[in-house]
Amino acid sequence: MIAVDSLNNNPIYRFNRYMHYLKGNRSKSTLMRMPTISLIDKYTEKFGHAEVKFFGAITWAFPLLSKVLTEQALSKLSNWVDAKFDIQSSAFKFVIMLEKK
């Protein structure tokens, strides 16, 4: 199984989703079912093998950074941060590849 989804561990992204919920752009059900690191761990255990990639740790800063950096520079900076640091708990998105063992 391969899945791409938003992660619910970063407080900045959680706050943003909650604000969208208050505006009526998201349902309460969506907020309650957002994947977490612990859910990823449960799926890994259930399937037996998983590869997970996290990305988008600084996406929240793009509106500010876009005033001084080009889109290409933002992309490079984001990719560099994601590769250089352990962004697991601060990631915006993740890709999980699960294999039943």
Protein backbone atom coordinates (compact mmCIF):
# COMPACT_ATOMS: atom_id res chain seq x y z
CA MET A 1 0.00 0.00 0.00
CA ILE A 2 1.22 3.50 -0.78
CA ALA A 3 -0.34 6.57 0.82
CA VAL A 4 0.33 10.31 0.84
CA ASP A 5 -1.28 12.40 3.54
CA SER A 6 -0.86 15.36 5.85
CA LEU A 7 0.65 14.73 9.27
CA ASN A 8 -0.99 16.03 12.43
CA ASN A 9 2.05 16.36 14.71
CA ASN A 10 3.19 19.89 13.90
CA PRO A 11 1.35 22.42 16.12
CA ILE A 12 1.49 25.14 13.45
CA TYR A 13 -0.28 22.95 10.91
CA ARG A 14 -2.77 21.71 13.53
CA PHE A 15 -3.64 25.30 14.42
CA ASN A 16 -4.12 26.17 10.75
CA ARG A 17 -6.45 23.20 10.24
CA TYR A 18 -8.43 24.18 13.33
CA MET A 19 -8.84 27.72 12.00
CA HIS A 20 -10.16 26.26 8.73
CA TYR A 21 -12.56 24.11 10.78
CA LEU A 22 -13.85 27.23 12.55
CA LYS A 23 -14.38 28.90 9.15
CA GLY A 24 -16.37 25.86 7.98
CA ASN A 25 -13.74 24.70 5.49
CA ARG A 26 -13.01 21.43 7.34
CA SER A 27 -15.18 18.99 9.23
CA LYS A 28 -14.60 17.89 12.81
CA SER A 29 -14.26 14.35 11.48
CA THR A 30 -11.33 15.44 9.32
CA LEU A 31 -9.59 16.96 12.34
CA MET A 32 -10.12 13.83 14.40
CA ARG A 33 -8.81 11.45 11.72
CA MET A 34 -5.58 13.23 10.74
CA PRO A 35 -2.67 10.74 10.75
CA THR A 36 -0.05 10.94 13.50
CA ILE A 37 3.37 9.38 14.02
CA SER A 38 1.77 6.83 16.37
CA LEU A 39 -0.70 5.80 13.63
CA ILE A 40 2.18 5.38 11.20
CA ASP A 41 3.90 3.18 13.79
CA LYS A 42 0.75 1.05 14.16
CA TYR A 43 0.50 0.54 10.40
CA THR A 44 4.18 -0.35 10.24
CA GLU A 45 3.65 -2.99 12.93
CA LYS A 46 0.50 -4.32 11.26
CA PHE A 47 2.06 -4.63 7.79
CA GLY A 48 5.51 -5.70 8.92
CA HIS A 49 7.52 -3.37 6.68
CA ALA A 50 7.25 0.34 5.93
CA GLU A 51 9.24 3.05 4.29
CA VAL A 52 8.18 6.54 5.31
CA LYS A 53 9.38 9.85 3.93
CA PHE A 54 8.50 13.13 5.59
CA PHE A 55 8.62 16.53 3.93
CA GLY A 56 7.42 20.10 4.11
CA ALA A 57 8.73 21.03 7.57
CA ILE A 58 9.01 24.72 6.69
CA THR A 59 6.02 25.05 4.36
CA TRP A 60 4.32 27.19 7.02
CA ALA A 61 7.02 29.85 6.48
CA PHE A 62 6.54 30.10 2.69
CA PRO A 63 4.21 33.12 2.75
CA LEU A 64 6.89 35.13 4.58
CA LEU A 65 9.91 33.70 2.77
CA SER A 66 8.30 34.21 -0.65
CA LYS A 67 8.73 37.95 -0.17
CA VAL A 68 12.52 37.55 -0.31
CA LEU A 69 13.10 34.25 -2.12
CA THR A 70 12.05 32.96 -5.52
CA GLU A 71 9.85 29.88 -5.83
CA GLN A 72 12.88 27.88 -6.98
CA ALA A 73 14.96 29.06 -3.99
CA LEU A 74 12.10 28.20 -1.61
CA SER A 75 11.88 24.73 -3.07
CA LYS A 76 15.63 24.17 -2.70
CA LEU A 77 15.59 25.50 0.87
CA SER A 78 12.63 23.29 1.80
CA ASN A 79 14.27 20.20 0.31
CA TRP A 80 17.55 21.00 2.08
CA VAL A 81 15.84 21.40 5.48
CA ASP A 82 13.90 18.17 4.98
CA ALA A 83 17.09 16.27 4.09
CA LYS A 84 19.41 17.87 6.64
CA PHE A 85 17.27 17.66 9.79
CA ASP A 86 15.11 15.02 11.45
CA ILE A 87 11.77 16.53 10.52
CA GLN A 88 9.58 13.57 11.36
CA SER A 89 7.46 15.34 13.98
CA SER A 90 7.40 18.72 12.21
CA ALA A 91 6.62 17.52 8.68
CA PHE A 92 3.60 18.76 6.76
CA LYS A 93 3.20 15.68 4.56
CA PHE A 94 4.39 12.11 4.44
CA VAL A 95 4.54 9.26 1.97
CA ILE A 96 4.28 5.76 3.38
CA MET A 97 4.99 2.57 1.47
CA LEU A 98 3.73 -0.48 3.35
CA GLU A 99 4.45 -4.09 2.53
CA LYS A 100 2.78 -7.08 4.15
CA LYS A 101 5.36 -9.52 5.50
